[in-house]
């Protein structure tokens, strides 16, 4: 299927499909970029990233409860007659779909930007260019979420349903608790269900914590979301 191009644009954009599906990175690009693979949660398959900014961006999406889905490298597009282009990320946030490109200082060819904006507008999506610097300045927050995600991915099969309800009620009742109040420093394995339950509540957006400034740890204050 060939999707329509915008006839008013000097630079045309087309694609065989707008069903978001991660396009695998070719070997030459893996070697040429700061390539990494990581298992996340809001994208069910191992995610491929071409830069630290893309990696941190995904971590921040995981920490945003308004984001329900994202797909790295989601589309193979054709710009003009020859140029092939794969955007960095497809993001669904509060029902709005954004197609995201990450660039140093948000520098992106203006003609191509306008063509992509027009093309995705037809399909009820937004094309957005985000400066790498805006992501990298949130390094502490991103690293906190990467640590949380690592724990959640490693314990996906652990049933914490009962603990989540009990701990959420406790946090609401007292207005907040310290992470270390429920996670033992000396015997962490014994309190693993409570730990994973608290991290899941954070990831679901039912609890909140200041992850932007300090490293997540036993002294981190967890509060109910309002």
C-alpha atoms as a PDB file:
ATOM      1  CA  UNK A   1       0.000   0.000   0.000  1.00  0.00           C
ATOM      2  CA  UNK A   2       1.336   3.436  -0.926  1.00  0.00           C
ATOM      3  CA  UNK A   3       0.053   6.201   1.324  1.00  0.00           C
ATOM      4  CA  UNK A   4      -0.727   9.585  -0.265  1.00  0.00           C
ATOM      5  CA  UNK A   5       1.799  12.344  -0.595  1.00  0.00           C
ATOM      6  CA  UNK A   6       1.010  15.997  -0.050  1.00  0.00           C
ATOM      7  CA  UNK A   7       0.904  17.554  -3.526  1.00  0.00           C
ATOM      8  CA  UNK A   8       1.535  21.044  -2.158  1.00  0.00           C
ATOM      9  CA  UNK A   9       4.955  20.181  -0.821  1.00  0.00           C
ATOM     10  CA  UNK A  10       8.061  20.531  -2.973  1.00  0.00           C
ATOM     11  CA  UNK A  11       9.593  17.646  -1.016  1.00  0.00           C
ATOM     12  CA  UNK A  12       7.307  14.603  -1.111  1.00  0.00           C
ATOM     13  CA  UNK A  13       7.063  11.976   1.631  1.00  0.00           C
ATOM     14  CA  UNK A  14       5.741   8.444   1.194  1.00  0.00           C
ATOM     15  CA  UNK A  15       5.821   5.066   2.923  1.00  0.00           C
ATOM     16  CA  UNK A  16       4.482   1.555   2.426  1.00  0.00           C
ATOM     17  CA  UNK A  17       2.945   1.484   5.915  1.00  0.00           C
ATOM     18  CA  UNK A  18       2.210   3.676   8.907  1.00  0.00           C
ATOM     19  CA  UNK A  19       1.800   0.780  11.308  1.00  0.00           C
ATOM     20  CA  UNK A  20       4.585   1.459  13.838  1.00  0.00           C
ATOM     21  CA  UNK A  21       7.081  -1.397  13.895  1.00  0.00           C
ATOM     22  CA  UNK A  22      10.704  -1.130  15.007  1.00  0.00           C
ATOM     23  CA  UNK A  23      13.044  -1.330  12.027  1.00  0.00           C
ATOM     24  CA  UNK A  24      16.157  -3.317  12.833  1.00  0.00           C
ATOM     25  CA  UNK A  25      19.436  -1.451  12.696  1.00  0.00           C
ATOM     26  CA  UNK A  26      21.846  -2.535   9.994  1.00  0.00           C
ATOM     27  CA  UNK A  27      25.343  -3.596  10.975  1.00  0.00           C
ATOM     28  CA  UNK A  28      27.081  -0.559   9.477  1.00  0.00           C
ATOM     29  CA  UNK A  29      24.855   1.800  11.506  1.00  0.00           C
ATOM     30  CA  UNK A  30      25.417  -0.245  14.681  1.00  0.00           C
ATOM     31  CA  UNK A  31      29.140   0.294  14.249  1.00  0.00           C
ATOM     32  CA  UNK A  32      28.862   3.963  13.305  1.00  0.00           C
ATOM     33  CA  UNK A  33      26.583   5.030  16.190  1.00  0.00           C
ATOM     34  CA  UNK A  34      26.467   4.804  19.983  1.00  0.00           C
ATOM     35  CA  UNK A  35      24.318   1.705  19.575  1.00  0.00           C
ATOM     36  CA  UNK A  36      22.678  -0.152  22.441  1.00  0.00           C
ATOM     37  CA  UNK A  37      19.825  -2.610  23.025  1.00  0.00           C
ATOM     38  CA  UNK A  38      17.651  -2.632  26.136  1.00  0.00           C
ATOM     39  CA  UNK A  39      14.497  -4.340  27.322  1.00  0.00           C
ATOM     40  CA  UNK A  40      11.912  -1.787  28.401  1.00  0.00           C
ATOM     41  CA  UNK A  41       8.247  -2.128  29.415  1.00  0.00           C
ATOM     42  CA  UNK A  42       6.050   0.125  27.279  1.00  0.00           C
ATOM     43  CA  UNK A  43       7.570  -1.400  24.138  1.00  0.00           C
ATOM     44  CA  UNK A  44       7.285  -5.198  24.372  1.00  0.00           C
ATOM     45  CA  UNK A  45      10.362  -6.100  22.335  1.00  0.00           C
ATOM     46  CA  UNK A  46      14.048  -5.284  22.912  1.00  0.00           C
ATOM     47  CA  UNK A  47      14.559  -1.632  21.981  1.00  0.00           C
ATOM     48  CA  UNK A  48      17.377  -0.460  19.720  1.00  0.00           C
ATOM     49  CA  UNK A  49      18.866   2.992  20.272  1.00  0.00           C
ATOM     50  CA  UNK A  50      21.438   4.875  18.190  1.00  0.00           C
ATOM     51  CA  UNK A  51      22.514   7.394  20.831  1.00  0.00           C
ATOM     52  CA  UNK A  52      22.520   8.032  24.557  1.00  0.00           C
ATOM     53  CA  UNK A  53      19.887  10.728  23.957  1.00  0.00           C
ATOM     54  CA  UNK A  54      17.523   8.160  22.396  1.00  0.00           C
ATOM     55  CA  UNK A  55      18.154   5.802  25.321  1.00  0.00           C
ATOM     56  CA  UNK A  56      17.441   8.478  27.938  1.00  0.00           C
ATOM     57  CA  UNK A  57      14.414   9.678  25.971  1.00  0.00           C
ATOM     58  CA  UNK A  58      12.870   6.192  26.176  1.00  0.00           C
ATOM     59  CA  UNK A  59      13.575   6.041  29.921  1.00  0.00           C
ATOM     60  CA  UNK A  60      11.779   9.365  30.405  1.00  0.00           C
ATOM     61  CA  UNK A  61       8.834   8.091  28.357  1.00  0.00           C
ATOM     62  CA  UNK A  62       8.656   5.090  30.664  1.00  0.00           C
ATOM     63  CA  UNK A  63       8.448   7.469  33.605  1.00  0.00           C
ATOM     64  CA  UNK A  64       5.640   9.532  32.079  1.00  0.00           C
ATOM     65  CA  UNK A  65       2.291   7.937  33.055  1.00  0.00           C
ATOM     66  CA  UNK A  66       0.582   9.812  30.202  1.00  0.00           C
ATOM     67  CA  UNK A  67       2.646   7.773  27.715  1.00  0.00           C
ATOM     68  CA  UNK A  68       0.969   4.453  26.951  1.00  0.00           C
ATOM     69  CA  UNK A  69       3.184   3.280  24.093  1.00  0.00           C
ATOM     70  CA  UNK A  70       6.304   4.095  22.147  1.00  0.00           C
ATOM     71  CA  UNK A  71       8.151   2.392  19.303  1.00  0.00           C
ATOM     72  CA  UNK A  72      11.796   3.140  18.456  1.00  0.00           C
ATOM     73  CA  UNK A  73      12.672   3.476  14.746  1.00  0.00           C
ATOM     74  CA  UNK A  74       8.974   3.064  13.825  1.00  0.00           C
ATOM     75  CA  UNK A  75       8.692   3.818  10.086  1.00  0.00           C
ATOM     76  CA  UNK A  76      10.688   3.543   6.894  1.00  0.00           C
ATOM     77  CA  UNK A  77       9.902   6.701   4.929  1.00  0.00           C
ATOM     78  CA  UNK A  78      10.954   7.923   1.525  1.00  0.00           C
ATOM     79  CA  UNK A  79      11.646  11.652   1.208  1.00  0.00           C
ATOM     80  CA  UNK A  80      11.769  12.870  -2.356  1.00  0.00           C
ATOM     81  CA  UNK A  81      12.844  10.287  -4.912  1.00  0.00           C
ATOM     82  CA  UNK A  82      15.836   8.723  -3.204  1.00  0.00           C
ATOM     83  CA  UNK A  83      16.361   9.582   0.448  1.00  0.00           C
ATOM     84  CA  UNK A  84      15.247   6.977   3.002  1.00  0.00           C
ATOM     85  CA  UNK A  85      14.495   8.161   6.500  1.00  0.00           C
ATOM     86  CA  UNK A  86      13.638   6.391   9.780  1.00  0.00           C
ATOM     87  CA  UNK A  87      12.386   8.643  12.617  1.00  0.00           C
ATOM     88  CA  UNK A  88      13.716   7.996  16.100  1.00  0.00           C
ATOM     89  CA  UNK A  89      10.484   7.274  17.943  1.00  0.00           C
ATOM     90  CA  UNK A  90       6.710   6.924  17.771  1.00  0.00           C
ATOM     91  CA  UNK A  91       5.005   8.088  20.986  1.00  0.00           C
ATOM     92  CA  UNK A  92       1.388   7.862  22.142  1.00  0.00           C
ATOM     93  CA  UNK A  93       0.734  10.352  24.952  1.00  0.00           C
ATOM     94  CA  UNK A  94      -2.808  11.068  26.168  1.00  0.00           C
ATOM     95  CA  UNK A  95      -4.111   9.816  22.824  1.00  0.00           C
ATOM     96  CA  UNK A  96      -1.888  12.187  20.814  1.00  0.00           C
ATOM     97  CA  UNK A  97       0.612  10.532  18.463  1.00  0.00           C
ATOM     98  CA  UNK A  98       4.006  12.180  18.006  1.00  0.00           C
ATOM     99  CA  UNK A  99       6.710  11.083  15.592  1.00  0.00           C
ATOM    100  CA  UNK A 100       9.934  12.219  17.201  1.00  0.00           C
ATOM    101  CA  UNK A 101      13.384  13.034  15.878  1.00  0.00           C
ATOM    102  CA  UNK A 102      16.229  13.798  18.278  1.00  0.00           C
ATOM    103  CA  UNK A 103      18.964  16.085  16.976  1.00  0.00           C
ATOM    104  CA  UNK A 104      21.761  18.192  18.485  1.00  0.00           C
ATOM    105  CA  UNK A 105      20.282  21.689  18.984  1.00  0.00           C
ATOM    106  CA  UNK A 106      17.163  20.423  17.117  1.00  0.00           C
ATOM    107  CA  UNK A 107      18.976  21.102  13.835  1.00  0.00           C
ATOM    108  CA  UNK A 108      17.019  19.533  10.985  1.00  0.00           C
ATOM    109  CA  UNK A 109      16.717  20.436   7.306  1.00  0.00           C
ATOM    110  CA  UNK A 110      13.838  22.922   7.145  1.00  0.00           C
ATOM    111  CA  UNK A 111      12.386  21.708   3.826  1.00  0.00           C
ATOM    112  CA  UNK A 112      12.319  18.126   5.077  1.00  0.00           C
ATOM    113  CA  UNK A 113      10.852  19.215   8.395  1.00  0.00           C
ATOM    114  CA  UNK A 114       7.982  21.016   6.697  1.00  0.00           C
ATOM    115  CA  UNK A 115       7.358  18.079   4.371  1.00  0.00           C
ATOM    116  CA  UNK A 116       7.281  15.627   7.285  1.00  0.00           C
ATOM    117  CA  UNK A 117       5.049  17.892   9.369  1.00  0.00           C
ATOM    118  CA  UNK A 118       2.567  18.152   6.488  1.00  0.00           C
ATOM    119  CA  UNK A 119       2.678  14.422   5.768  1.00  0.00           C
ATOM    120  CA  UNK A 120       2.049  13.343   9.345  1.00  0.00           C
ATOM    121  CA  UNK A 121      -0.608  16.028   9.842  1.00  0.00           C
ATOM    122  CA  UNK A 122      -2.652  14.330   7.111  1.00  0.00           C
ATOM    123  CA  UNK A 123      -2.477  11.133   9.186  1.00  0.00           C
ATOM    124  CA  UNK A 124      -3.353  12.888  12.469  1.00  0.00           C
ATOM    125  CA  UNK A 125       0.155  12.718  13.879  1.00  0.00           C
ATOM    126  CA  UNK A 126       2.672  15.398  14.813  1.00  0.00           C
ATOM    127  CA  UNK A 127       6.268  15.457  13.655  1.00  0.00           C
ATOM    128  CA  UNK A 128       8.446  16.860  16.437  1.00  0.00           C
ATOM    129  CA  UNK A 129      12.194  17.581  16.521  1.00  0.00           C
ATOM    130  CA  UNK A 130      13.596  17.581  20.072  1.00  0.00           C
ATOM    131  CA  UNK A 131      17.086  18.893  20.897  1.00  0.00           C
ATOM    132  CA  UNK A 132      19.388  16.269  22.399  1.00  0.00           C
ATOM    133  CA  UNK A 133      20.342  18.830  25.017  1.00  0.00           C
ATOM    134  CA  UNK A 134      16.783  18.905  26.400  1.00  0.00           C
ATOM    135  CA  UNK A 135      17.054  15.175  27.087  1.00  0.00           C
ATOM    136  CA  UNK A 136      20.639  15.126  28.332  1.00  0.00           C
ATOM    137  CA  UNK A 137      19.940  17.811  30.946  1.00  0.00           C
ATOM    138  CA  UNK A 138      17.534  15.293  32.520  1.00  0.00           C
ATOM    139  CA  UNK A 139      20.249  12.657  32.906  1.00  0.00           C
ATOM    140  CA  UNK A 140      19.656  12.069  36.636  1.00  0.00           C
ATOM    141  CA  UNK A 141      15.946  11.497  36.097  1.00  0.00           C
ATOM    142  CA  UNK A 142      16.576   9.201  33.127  1.00  0.00           C
ATOM    143  CA  UNK A 143      19.157   7.148  35.023  1.00  0.00           C
ATOM    144  CA  UNK A 144      16.772   6.768  37.955  1.00  0.00           C
ATOM    145  CA  UNK A 145      14.130   5.386  35.630  1.00  0.00           C
ATOM    146  CA  UNK A 146      16.637   3.057  33.981  1.00  0.00           C
ATOM    147  CA  UNK A 147      17.473   1.611  37.399  1.00  0.00           C
ATOM    148  CA  UNK A 148      13.766   1.225  38.216  1.00  0.00           C
ATOM    149  CA  UNK A 149      13.116  -0.410  34.846  1.00  0.00           C
ATOM    150  CA  UNK A 150      15.959  -2.864  35.342  1.00  0.00           C
ATOM    151  CA  UNK A 151      14.363  -4.065  38.570  1.00  0.00           C
ATOM    152  CA  UNK A 152      10.883  -4.250  37.055  1.00  0.00           C
ATOM    153  CA  UNK A 153      12.039  -6.149  33.968  1.00  0.00           C
ATOM    154  CA  UNK A 154      13.983  -8.644  36.077  1.00  0.00           C
ATOM    155  CA  UNK A 155      10.927  -9.311  38.274  1.00  0.00           C
ATOM    156  CA  UNK A 156       8.124  -9.250  35.711  1.00  0.00           C
ATOM    157  CA  UNK A 157       6.806 -12.609  36.923  1.00  0.00           C
ATOM    158  CA  UNK A 158       6.572 -11.568  40.579  1.00  0.00           C
ATOM    159  CA  UNK A 159       2.927 -11.103  41.636  1.00  0.00           C
ATOM    160  CA  UNK A 160       2.661  -7.984  43.801  1.00  0.00           C
ATOM    161  CA  UNK A 161      -1.037  -7.202  43.360  1.00  0.00           C
ATOM    162  CA  UNK A 162      -1.858  -7.467  47.050  1.00  0.00           C
ATOM    163  CA  UNK A 163       1.205  -5.475  48.099  1.00  0.00           C
ATOM    164  CA  UNK A 164       0.447  -2.708  45.600  1.00  0.00           C
ATOM    165  CA  UNK A 165      -2.993  -2.135  47.077  1.00  0.00           C
ATOM    166  CA  UNK A 166      -1.756  -2.257  50.672  1.00  0.00           C
ATOM    167  CA  UNK A 167       1.193   0.051  50.049  1.00  0.00           C
ATOM    168  CA  UNK A 168      -0.866   2.548  48.053  1.00  0.00           C
ATOM    169  CA  UNK A 169      -3.370   2.767  50.898  1.00  0.00           C
ATOM    170  CA  UNK A 170      -0.519   3.252  53.380  1.00  0.00           C
ATOM    171  CA  UNK A 171       1.059   6.063  51.359  1.00  0.00           C
ATOM    172  CA  UNK A 172      -2.305   7.788  50.980  1.00  0.00           C
ATOM    173  CA  UNK A 173      -3.050   7.405  54.693  1.00  0.00           C
ATOM    174  CA  UNK A 174       0.241   8.928  55.852  1.00  0.00           C
ATOM    175  CA  UNK A 175       0.734  11.317  52.945  1.00  0.00           C
ATOM    176  CA  UNK A 176       4.017   9.630  52.015  1.00  0.00           C
ATOM    177  CA  UNK A 177       6.683   7.147  53.091  1.00  0.00           C
ATOM    178  CA  UNK A 178      10.390   6.677  52.561  1.00  0.00           C
ATOM    179  CA  UNK A 179      11.401   3.885  50.192  1.00  0.00           C
ATOM    180  CA  UNK A 180      13.635   2.514  52.960  1.00  0.00           C
ATOM    181  CA  UNK A 181      10.656   2.237  55.324  1.00  0.00           C
ATOM    182  CA  UNK A 182       9.514  -0.823  53.375  1.00  0.00           C
ATOM    183  CA  UNK A 183      12.718  -2.085  51.753  1.00  0.00           C
ATOM    184  CA  UNK A 184      15.269  -3.630  54.093  1.00  0.00           C
ATOM    185  CA  UNK A 185      18.855  -2.427  53.726  1.00  0.00           C
ATOM    186  CA  UNK A 186      20.285  -5.478  55.488  1.00  0.00           C
ATOM    187  CA  UNK A 187      18.097  -8.164  53.856  1.00  0.00           C
ATOM    188  CA  UNK A 188      16.762  -6.770  50.620  1.00  0.00           C
ATOM    189  CA  UNK A 189      15.588 -10.155  49.314  1.00  0.00           C
ATOM    190  CA  UNK A 190      13.133 -10.514  52.192  1.00  0.00           C
ATOM    191  CA  UNK A 191      11.333  -7.311  51.189  1.00  0.00           C
ATOM    192  CA  UNK A 192      11.549  -7.838  47.433  1.00  0.00           C
ATOM    193  CA  UNK A 193       7.751  -8.026  46.882  1.00  0.00           C
ATOM    194  CA  UNK A 194       7.284  -4.660  48.653  1.00  0.00           C
ATOM    195  CA  UNK A 195      10.150  -3.143  46.658  1.00  0.00           C
ATOM    196  CA  UNK A 196       8.767  -4.240  43.301  1.00  0.00           C
ATOM    197  CA  UNK A 197       5.253  -3.183  44.326  1.00  0.00           C
ATOM    198  CA  UNK A 198       6.465   0.331  45.137  1.00  0.00           C
ATOM    199  CA  UNK A 199       8.411   0.575  41.881  1.00  0.00           C
ATOM    200  CA  UNK A 200       5.381  -0.589  39.922  1.00  0.00           C
ATOM    201  CA  UNK A 201       3.218   2.038  41.607  1.00  0.00           C
ATOM    202  CA  UNK A 202       5.790   4.657  40.575  1.00  0.00           C
ATOM    203  CA  UNK A 203       5.862   3.369  36.999  1.00  0.00           C
ATOM    204  CA  UNK A 204       2.046   3.355  36.850  1.00  0.00           C
ATOM    205  CA  UNK A 205       1.937   6.963  38.037  1.00  0.00           C
ATOM    206  CA  UNK A 206       0.045   6.104  41.216  1.00  0.00           C
ATOM    207  CA  UNK A 207       2.974   7.277  43.335  1.00  0.00           C
ATOM    208  CA  UNK A 208       5.374  10.107  42.669  1.00  0.00           C
ATOM    209  CA  UNK A 209       8.918  10.926  43.781  1.00  0.00           C
ATOM    210  CA  UNK A 210      11.507  13.603  43.083  1.00  0.00           C
ATOM    211  CA  UNK A 211      13.683  11.748  40.577  1.00  0.00           C
ATOM    212  CA  UNK A 212      15.013  14.808  38.765  1.00  0.00           C
ATOM    213  CA  UNK A 213      17.613  15.968  41.272  1.00  0.00           C
ATOM    214  CA  UNK A 214      18.801  13.086  43.446  1.00  0.00           C
ATOM    215  CA  UNK A 215      19.662   9.464  42.930  1.00  0.00           C
ATOM    216  CA  UNK A 216      16.803   7.122  43.823  1.00  0.00           C
ATOM    217  CA  UNK A 217      17.502   5.214  47.021  1.00  0.00           C
ATOM    218  CA  UNK A 218      16.370   4.247  50.496  1.00  0.00           C
ATOM    219  CA  UNK A 219      15.840   7.896  51.501  1.00  0.00           C
ATOM    220  CA  UNK A 220      13.647   8.745  48.503  1.00  0.00           C
ATOM    221  CA  UNK A 221      10.236  10.052  49.583  1.00  0.00           C
ATOM    222  CA  UNK A 222       7.251   8.437  47.863  1.00  0.00           C
ATOM    223  CA  UNK A 223       3.998  10.394  47.778  1.00  0.00           C
ATOM    224  CA  UNK A 224       0.537   9.761  46.344  1.00  0.00           C
ATOM    225  CA  UNK A 225      -0.286  11.363  43.011  1.00  0.00           C
ATOM    226  CA  UNK A 226      -3.006  13.996  43.193  1.00  0.00           C
END
